[in-house]
Amino acid sequence: MKKIHFLLVAGMVIALGGCASSKSGDVYTRDQTRQQMIVKMGVVESVRPVKIEGTKTAIGPAAGAVVGGIAGSSVGGGKGSAVAAVLGSVAGGVVGAAAEEGFTREDGVEITVRLENGQVIAVVQEAGETFQAGDRVRILEGDGVTRISH
């Protein structure tokens, strides 16, 4: 029975890791639709790969604590089992937090663009579209979000 609980919780952690929203230049949230955006034009000066850190919600630590508690409670008997469950929960919470962040970490790009007015900006977004120095691009800004596209 404990193995079934472990597998269910582990499956939930993995499934929820896939729920992270995209930070790509070609993905919009539902709230961003039908919103006015300012469009600027520019030329890419440089592109470099970066890592976008993963999410850090309560889901990973909570799921890890449950799994660790279940695993720990199967060690020993009586008070020893209770102590092992608590220690397993703490360790599981730490491991669950690290797993969530690792599962949701993304490859990204930092794109530096010289705008037509001479201003230079840099935008980080998920790797998706391919950009190279010299590409003419559109910069879209609205509601605190900036994205670059061809």
N, C-alpha and C. Protein backbone atom coordinates (compact mmCIF):
# COMPACT_ATOMS: atom_id res chain seq x y z
N MET A 1 0.82 -1.19 0.00
CA MET A 1 0.00 0.00 0.00
C MET A 1 0.87 1.27 0.00
N LYS A 2 1.97 1.22 0.77
CA LYS A 2 2.84 2.39 0.85
C LYS A 2 3.52 2.66 -0.50
N LYS A 3 3.82 1.61 -1.23
CA LYS A 3 4.42 1.79 -2.55
C LYS A 3 3.44 2.48 -3.50
N ILE A 4 2.18 2.15 -3.39
CA ILE A 4 1.16 2.77 -4.23
C ILE A 4 1.07 4.26 -3.91
N HIS A 5 1.07 4.61 -2.62
CA HIS A 5 1.04 6.03 -2.22
C HIS A 5 2.25 6.76 -2.77
N PHE A 6 3.42 6.14 -2.63
CA PHE A 6 4.65 6.74 -3.13
C PHE A 6 4.55 7.00 -4.63
N LEU A 7 4.11 6.02 -5.38
CA LEU A 7 3.99 6.17 -6.84
C LEU A 7 2.97 7.24 -7.22
N LEU A 8 1.86 7.31 -6.50
CA LEU A 8 0.85 8.34 -6.79
C LEU A 8 1.40 9.74 -6.55
N VAL A 9 2.07 9.95 -5.43
CA VAL A 9 2.61 11.27 -5.11
C VAL A 9 3.73 11.63 -6.08
N ALA A 10 4.61 10.69 -6.37
CA ALA A 10 5.69 10.95 -7.32
C ALA A 10 5.13 11.31 -8.69
N GLY A 11 4.09 10.63 -9.11
CA GLY A 11 3.44 10.96 -10.39
C GLY A 11 2.83 12.34 -10.39
N MET A 12 2.24 12.74 -9.26
CA MET A 12 1.66 14.08 -9.16
C MET A 12 2.74 15.15 -9.27
N VAL A 13 3.88 14.93 -8.62
CA VAL A 13 4.97 15.91 -8.67
C VAL A 13 5.44 16.08 -10.11
N ILE A 14 5.63 14.98 -10.81
CA ILE A 14 6.09 15.05 -12.20
C ILE A 14 5.05 15.72 -13.08
N ALA A 15 3.79 15.37 -12.90
CA ALA A 15 2.72 15.97 -13.71
C ALA A 15 2.59 17.46 -13.46
N LEU A 16 2.68 17.88 -12.21
CA LEU A 16 2.55 19.30 -11.90
C LEU A 16 3.73 20.10 -12.39
N GLY A 17 4.89 19.46 -12.52
CA GLY A 17 6.05 20.15 -13.07
C GLY A 17 5.81 20.58 -14.50
N GLY A 18 4.97 19.85 -15.22
CA GLY A 18 4.64 20.20 -16.59
C GLY A 18 3.64 21.33 -16.71
N CYS A 19 3.12 21.83 -15.59
CA CYS A 19 2.12 22.90 -15.60
C CYS A 19 2.75 24.29 -15.63
N ALA A 20 4.06 24.37 -15.59
CA ALA A 20 4.71 25.68 -15.56
C ALA A 20 4.41 26.41 -16.87
N SER A 21 4.20 27.72 -16.76
CA SER A 21 3.88 28.50 -17.95
C SER A 21 5.12 28.75 -18.77
N SER A 22 4.93 28.97 -20.06
CA SER A 22 6.03 29.18 -20.99
C SER A 22 6.49 30.63 -20.96
N LYS A 23 7.78 30.84 -21.13
CA LYS A 23 8.36 32.18 -21.22
C LYS A 23 8.93 32.41 -22.61
N SER A 24 8.38 31.72 -23.58
CA SER A 24 8.83 31.83 -24.96
C SER A 24 8.24 33.09 -25.59
N GLY A 25 8.91 33.60 -26.62
CA GLY A 25 8.43 34.78 -27.30
C GLY A 25 7.18 34.57 -28.11
N ASP A 26 6.84 33.31 -28.38
CA ASP A 26 5.66 33.05 -29.22
C ASP A 26 4.51 32.41 -28.45
N VAL A 27 4.54 32.48 -27.11
CA VAL A 27 3.46 31.94 -26.29
C VAL A 27 2.87 33.07 -25.46
N TYR A 28 1.56 33.21 -25.52
CA TYR A 28 0.85 34.25 -24.78
C TYR A 28 -0.04 33.59 -23.72
N THR A 29 -0.17 34.24 -22.57
CA THR A 29 -1.14 33.77 -21.58
C THR A 29 -2.52 34.19 -22.05
N ARG A 30 -3.53 33.58 -21.49
CA ARG A 30 -4.90 33.93 -21.84
C ARG A 30 -5.17 35.40 -21.54
N ASP A 31 -4.61 35.92 -20.43
CA ASP A 31 -4.83 37.32 -20.06
C ASP A 31 -4.16 38.30 -21.02
N GLN A 32 -3.16 37.86 -21.76
CA GLN A 32 -2.46 38.76 -22.68
C GLN A 32 -3.17 38.91 -24.02
N THR A 33 -4.15 38.09 -24.29
CA THR A 33 -4.88 38.22 -25.54
C THR A 33 -5.79 39.44 -25.50
N ARG A 34 -6.00 40.01 -26.65
CA ARG A 34 -6.87 41.18 -26.82
C ARG A 34 -6.38 42.39 -26.02
N GLN A 35 -5.08 42.44 -25.76
CA GLN A 35 -4.48 43.56 -25.05
C GLN A 35 -3.60 44.33 -26.03
N GLN A 36 -3.63 45.64 -25.94
CA GLN A 36 -2.79 46.47 -26.79
C GLN A 36 -1.33 46.30 -26.38
N MET A 37 -0.46 46.21 -27.38
CA MET A 37 0.97 46.13 -27.13
C MET A 37 1.67 47.19 -27.96
N ILE A 38 2.74 47.73 -27.42
CA ILE A 38 3.55 48.69 -28.16
C ILE A 38 4.56 47.89 -28.98
N VAL A 39 4.69 48.24 -30.26
CA VAL A 39 5.62 47.54 -31.14
C VAL A 39 6.77 48.47 -31.49
N LYS A 40 7.98 47.97 -31.28
CA LYS A 40 9.20 48.70 -31.65
C LYS A 40 9.98 47.80 -32.59
N MET A 41 10.79 48.39 -33.41
CA MET A 41 11.62 47.63 -34.33
C MET A 41 13.09 47.83 -33.95
N GLY A 42 13.90 46.82 -34.24
CA GLY A 42 15.31 46.92 -33.94
C GLY A 42 16.11 45.85 -34.65
N VAL A 43 17.41 45.85 -34.37
CA VAL A 43 18.32 44.88 -34.97
C VAL A 43 19.06 44.16 -33.83
N VAL A 44 19.12 42.84 -33.92
CA VAL A 44 19.79 42.04 -32.91
C VAL A 44 21.29 42.33 -32.95
N GLU A 45 21.85 42.66 -31.79
CA GLU A 45 23.30 42.87 -31.68
C GLU A 45 24.01 41.61 -31.21
N SER A 46 23.39 40.89 -30.27
CA SER A 46 24.00 39.65 -29.79
C SER A 46 22.94 38.74 -29.18
N VAL A 47 23.28 37.46 -29.13
CA VAL A 47 22.41 36.45 -28.53
C VAL A 47 23.30 35.53 -27.71
N ARG A 48 22.89 35.23 -26.49
CA ARG A 48 23.66 34.27 -25.71
C ARG A 48 22.71 33.34 -24.97
N PRO A 49 23.09 32.07 -24.84
CA PRO A 49 22.25 31.12 -24.12
C PRO A 49 22.30 31.39 -22.62
N VAL A 50 21.17 31.21 -21.96
CA VAL A 50 21.06 31.36 -20.51
C VAL A 50 20.16 30.25 -19.98
N LYS A 51 20.14 30.09 -18.67
CA LYS A 51 19.22 29.16 -18.01
C LYS A 51 18.18 29.99 -17.27
N ILE A 52 16.93 29.60 -17.38
CA ILE A 52 15.84 30.24 -16.64
C ILE A 52 15.51 29.30 -15.49
N GLU A 53 15.65 29.81 -14.26
CA GLU A 53 15.44 28.94 -13.11
C GLU A 53 14.02 28.40 -13.08
N GLY A 54 13.87 27.25 -12.44
CA GLY A 54 12.56 26.61 -12.35
C GLY A 54 11.69 27.24 -11.29
N THR A 55 10.45 26.77 -11.24
CA THR A 55 9.48 27.30 -10.28
C THR A 55 9.83 26.84 -8.87
N LYS A 56 9.39 27.64 -7.93
CA LYS A 56 9.60 27.32 -6.52
C LYS A 56 8.29 27.55 -5.78
N THR A 57 7.39 26.58 -5.93
CA THR A 57 6.09 26.68 -5.26
C THR A 57 6.08 25.74 -4.06
N ALA A 58 4.98 25.66 -3.38
CA ALA A 58 4.84 24.77 -2.24
C ALA A 58 4.57 23.33 -2.67
N ILE A 59 4.29 23.11 -3.94
CA ILE A 59 3.91 21.77 -4.41
C ILE A 59 5.06 20.77 -4.27
N GLY A 60 6.25 21.15 -4.74
CA GLY A 60 7.39 20.23 -4.68
C GLY A 60 7.74 19.83 -3.26
N PRO A 61 7.94 20.80 -2.34
CA PRO A 61 8.26 20.42 -0.97
C PRO A 61 7.15 19.62 -0.29
N ALA A 62 5.89 19.99 -0.55
CA ALA A 62 4.78 19.28 0.09
C ALA A 62 4.71 17.83 -0.38
N ALA A 63 4.82 17.64 -1.68
CA ALA A 63 4.78 16.27 -2.22
C ALA A 63 5.98 15.47 -1.72
N GLY A 64 7.15 16.11 -1.70
CA GLY A 64 8.34 15.43 -1.19
C GLY A 64 8.20 15.06 0.27
N ALA A 65 7.59 15.94 1.07
CA ALA A 65 7.40 15.66 2.49
C ALA A 65 6.46 14.48 2.69
N VAL A 66 5.41 14.41 1.88
CA VAL A 66 4.47 13.28 1.99
C VAL A 66 5.18 11.97 1.65
N VAL A 67 5.90 11.97 0.54
CA VAL A 67 6.61 10.76 0.13
C VAL A 67 7.66 10.38 1.17
N GLY A 68 8.42 11.37 1.64
CA GLY A 68 9.44 11.10 2.65
C GLY A 68 8.84 10.60 3.95
N GLY A 69 7.71 11.16 4.35
CA GLY A 69 7.04 10.72 5.57
C GLY A 69 6.55 9.28 5.47
N ILE A 70 5.98 8.95 4.31
CA ILE A 70 5.51 7.58 4.10
C ILE A 70 6.69 6.62 4.11
N ALA A 71 7.76 6.99 3.41
CA ALA A 71 8.95 6.13 3.37
C ALA A 71 9.56 6.00 4.76
N GLY A 72 9.65 7.11 5.49
CA GLY A 72 10.24 7.06 6.83
C GLY A 72 9.42 6.27 7.81
N SER A 73 8.11 6.32 7.70
CA SER A 73 7.25 5.60 8.65
C SER A 73 7.37 4.09 8.53
N SER A 74 7.91 3.63 7.42
CA SER A 74 8.08 2.19 7.23
C SER A 74 9.36 1.68 7.87
N VAL A 75 10.16 2.60 8.43
CA VAL A 75 11.41 2.22 9.09
C VAL A 75 11.16 2.05 10.57
N GLY A 76 11.59 0.94 11.13
CA GLY A 76 11.47 0.72 12.57
C GLY A 76 10.04 0.50 13.01
N GLY A 77 9.83 0.63 14.31
CA GLY A 77 8.50 0.44 14.88
C GLY A 77 8.32 1.35 16.07
N GLY A 78 7.09 1.61 16.45
CA GLY A 78 6.79 2.45 17.61
C GLY A 78 7.29 3.87 17.44
N LYS A 79 7.97 4.39 18.50
CA LYS A 79 8.48 5.76 18.47
C LYS A 79 9.55 5.94 17.39
N GLY A 80 10.32 4.91 17.14
CA GLY A 80 11.34 4.98 16.08
C GLY A 80 10.72 5.22 14.72
N SER A 81 9.57 4.62 14.49
CA SER A 81 8.86 4.81 13.23
C SER A 81 8.37 6.25 13.10
N ALA A 82 7.89 6.83 14.21
CA ALA A 82 7.40 8.21 14.18
C ALA A 82 8.54 9.19 13.93
N VAL A 83 9.68 8.94 14.58
CA VAL A 83 10.85 9.81 14.37
C VAL A 83 11.33 9.69 12.93
N ALA A 84 11.39 8.47 12.40
CA ALA A 84 11.81 8.26 11.02
C ALA A 84 10.84 8.93 10.05
N ALA A 85 9.55 8.94 10.38
CA ALA A 85 8.56 9.60 9.52
C ALA A 85 8.80 11.10 9.48
N VAL A 86 9.10 11.71 10.64
CA VAL A 86 9.36 13.14 10.69
C VAL A 86 10.63 13.48 9.91
N LEU A 87 11.69 12.72 10.17
CA LEU A 87 12.95 12.96 9.45
C LEU A 87 12.77 12.73 7.94
N GLY A 88 12.01 11.71 7.59
CA GLY A 88 11.73 11.45 6.18
C GLY A 88 10.95 12.58 5.55
N SER A 89 10.02 13.17 6.29
CA SER A 89 9.24 14.30 5.78
C SER A 89 10.12 15.51 5.52
N VAL A 90 11.01 15.81 6.47
CA VAL A 90 11.91 16.96 6.30
C VAL A 90 12.82 16.75 5.10
N ALA A 91 13.45 15.58 5.04
CA ALA A 91 14.35 15.29 3.92
C ALA A 91 13.58 15.27 2.60
N GLY A 92 12.39 14.70 2.62
CA GLY A 92 11.57 14.65 1.41
C GLY A 92 11.17 16.03 0.93
N GLY A 93 10.89 16.94 1.87
CA GLY A 93 10.55 18.31 1.50
C GLY A 93 11.69 19.00 0.80
N VAL A 94 12.91 18.82 1.31
CA VAL A 94 14.09 19.42 0.68
C VAL A 94 14.31 18.84 -0.71
N VAL A 95 14.23 17.52 -0.80
CA VAL A 95 14.42 16.87 -2.11
C VAL A 95 13.30 17.26 -3.07
N GLY A 96 12.07 17.35 -2.59
CA GLY A 96 10.94 17.74 -3.45
C GLY A 96 11.09 19.14 -4.00
N ALA A 97 11.59 20.07 -3.18
CA ALA A 97 11.80 21.45 -3.65
C ALA A 97 12.86 21.48 -4.75
N ALA A 98 13.96 20.75 -4.53
CA ALA A 98 15.02 20.71 -5.54
C ALA A 98 14.53 20.03 -6.82
N ALA A 99 13.73 18.99 -6.68
CA ALA A 99 13.22 18.29 -7.86
C ALA A 99 12.30 19.19 -8.66
N GLU A 100 11.41 19.93 -7.98
CA GLU A 100 10.50 20.84 -8.70
C GLU A 100 11.30 21.88 -9.48
N GLU A 101 12.28 22.50 -8.83
CA GLU A 101 13.07 23.52 -9.50
C GLU A 101 13.81 22.93 -10.69
N GLY A 102 14.37 21.73 -10.53
CA GLY A 102 15.10 21.09 -11.62
C GLY A 102 14.21 20.68 -12.78
N PHE A 103 13.02 20.15 -12.48
CA PHE A 103 12.10 19.71 -13.53
C PHE A 103 11.58 20.88 -14.36
N THR A 104 11.46 22.05 -13.75
CA THR A 104 10.87 23.19 -14.44
C THR A 104 11.89 24.19 -14.97
N ARG A 105 13.18 23.91 -14.79
CA ARG A 105 14.24 24.78 -15.33
C ARG A 105 14.21 24.72 -16.85
N GLU A 106 14.44 25.85 -17.51
CA GLU A 106 14.33 25.94 -18.97
C GLU A 106 15.59 26.54 -19.58
N ASP A 107 15.85 26.19 -20.83
CA ASP A 107 16.88 26.86 -21.61
C ASP A 107 16.29 28.17 -22.12
N GLY A 108 17.08 29.22 -22.08
CA GLY A 108 16.62 30.51 -22.57
C GLY A 108 17.70 31.20 -23.38
N VAL A 109 17.35 32.37 -23.89
CA VAL A 109 18.32 33.20 -24.62
C VAL A 109 18.18 34.64 -24.13
N GLU A 110 19.31 35.29 -24.05
CA GLU A 110 19.33 36.73 -23.77
C GLU A 110 19.61 37.40 -25.11
N ILE A 111 18.66 38.21 -25.57
CA ILE A 111 18.76 38.85 -26.88
C ILE A 111 18.98 40.34 -26.66
N THR A 112 20.11 40.84 -27.16
CA THR A 112 20.41 42.27 -27.06
C THR A 112 20.07 42.91 -28.39
N VAL A 113 19.25 43.97 -28.33
CA VAL A 113 18.71 44.60 -29.54
C VAL A 113 18.99 46.10 -29.51
N ARG A 114 19.42 46.64 -30.64
CA ARG A 114 19.53 48.10 -30.79
C ARG A 114 18.26 48.57 -31.48
N LEU A 115 17.48 49.39 -30.74
CA LEU A 115 16.24 49.91 -31.29
C LEU A 115 16.52 50.99 -32.33
N GLU A 116 15.51 51.32 -33.13
CA GLU A 116 15.68 52.33 -34.17
C GLU A 116 16.07 53.70 -33.61
N ASN A 117 15.70 53.98 -32.33
CA ASN A 117 16.05 55.27 -31.73
C ASN A 117 17.46 55.26 -31.12
N GLY A 118 18.19 54.16 -31.29
CA GLY A 118 19.56 54.05 -30.79
C GLY A 118 19.68 53.40 -29.43
N GLN A 119 18.57 53.29 -28.70
CA GLN A 119 18.59 52.66 -27.38
C GLN A 119 18.91 51.17 -27.53
N VAL A 120 19.66 50.63 -26.56
CA VAL A 120 19.98 49.20 -26.57
C VAL A 120 19.25 48.55 -25.39
N ILE A 121 18.54 47.46 -25.67
CA ILE A 121 17.83 46.71 -24.63
C ILE A 121 18.23 45.25 -24.70
N ALA A 122 18.00 44.54 -23.62
CA ALA A 122 18.22 43.09 -23.60
C ALA A 122 16.97 42.45 -23.02
N VAL A 123 16.53 41.36 -23.63
CA VAL A 123 15.35 40.63 -23.18
C VAL A 123 15.73 39.16 -23.06
N VAL A 124 15.33 38.54 -21.95
CA VAL A 124 15.53 37.10 -21.77
C VAL A 124 14.19 36.41 -21.98
N GLN A 125 14.19 35.38 -22.80
CA GLN A 125 12.99 34.58 -23.02
C GLN A 125 13.41 33.15 -23.29
N GLU A 126 12.44 32.23 -23.20
CA GLU A 126 12.74 30.83 -23.47
C GLU A 126 13.29 30.67 -24.87
N ALA A 127 14.17 29.70 -25.03
CA ALA A 127 14.69 29.39 -26.36
C ALA A 127 13.52 28.85 -27.18
N GLY A 128 13.32 29.40 -28.33
CA GLY A 128 12.23 28.99 -29.22
C GLY A 128 12.63 29.39 -30.62
N GLU A 129 12.28 30.61 -30.97
CA GLU A 129 12.73 31.15 -32.25
C GLU A 129 14.25 31.30 -32.21
N THR A 130 14.88 31.20 -33.36
CA THR A 130 16.32 31.36 -33.45
C THR A 130 16.64 32.78 -33.90
N PHE A 131 17.50 33.44 -33.15
CA PHE A 131 17.91 34.81 -33.47
C PHE A 131 19.41 34.84 -33.68
N GLN A 132 19.85 35.71 -34.61
CA GLN A 132 21.27 35.90 -34.88
C GLN A 132 21.55 37.38 -34.98
N ALA A 133 22.79 37.75 -34.67
CA ALA A 133 23.20 39.15 -34.81
C ALA A 133 22.89 39.61 -36.23
N GLY A 134 22.32 40.80 -36.35
CA GLY A 134 21.96 41.36 -37.65
C GLY A 134 20.51 41.14 -38.03
N ASP A 135 19.79 40.24 -37.34
CA ASP A 135 18.37 40.02 -37.64
C ASP A 135 17.55 41.25 -37.29
N ARG A 136 16.64 41.62 -38.17
CA ARG A 136 15.68 42.69 -37.86
C ARG A 136 14.53 42.03 -37.11
N VAL A 137 14.15 42.61 -35.96
CA VAL A 137 13.15 41.99 -35.09
C VAL A 137 12.12 43.01 -34.62
N ARG A 138 11.01 42.46 -34.11
CA ARG A 138 9.96 43.27 -33.48
C ARG A 138 10.07 43.07 -31.97
N ILE A 139 9.92 44.14 -31.24
CA ILE A 139 9.89 44.09 -29.79
C ILE A 139 8.47 44.48 -29.38
N LEU A 140 7.80 43.59 -28.68
CA LEU A 140 6.43 43.85 -28.26
C LEU A 140 6.42 44.04 -26.75
N GLU A 141 5.83 45.15 -26.31
CA GLU A 141 5.76 45.47 -24.89
C GLU A 141 4.32 45.72 -24.49
N GLY A 142 3.92 45.16 -23.37
CA GLY A 142 2.59 45.41 -22.86
C GLY A 142 2.37 44.72 -21.54
N ASP A 143 1.71 45.39 -20.62
CA ASP A 143 1.33 44.84 -19.33
C ASP A 143 2.53 44.23 -18.59
N GLY A 144 3.68 44.91 -18.67
CA GLY A 144 4.87 44.46 -17.96
C GLY A 144 5.61 43.31 -18.61
N VAL A 145 5.22 42.94 -19.81
CA VAL A 145 5.87 41.82 -20.52
C VAL A 145 6.51 42.36 -21.80
N THR A 146 7.74 41.94 -22.05
CA THR A 146 8.42 42.29 -23.30
C THR A 146 8.85 41.00 -23.97
N ARG A 147 8.64 40.92 -25.26
CA ARG A 147 9.03 39.73 -26.03
C ARG A 147 9.62 40.17 -27.34
N ILE A 148 10.44 39.32 -27.93
CA ILE A 148 11.08 39.61 -29.22
C ILE A 148 10.66 38.52 -30.19
N SER A 149 10.31 38.96 -31.42
CA SER A 149 9.96 37.99 -32.46
C SER A 149 10.43 38.53 -33.81
N HIS A 150 10.43 37.65 -34.78
CA HIS A 150 10.82 38.04 -36.14
C HIS A 150 9.68 38.75 -36.84
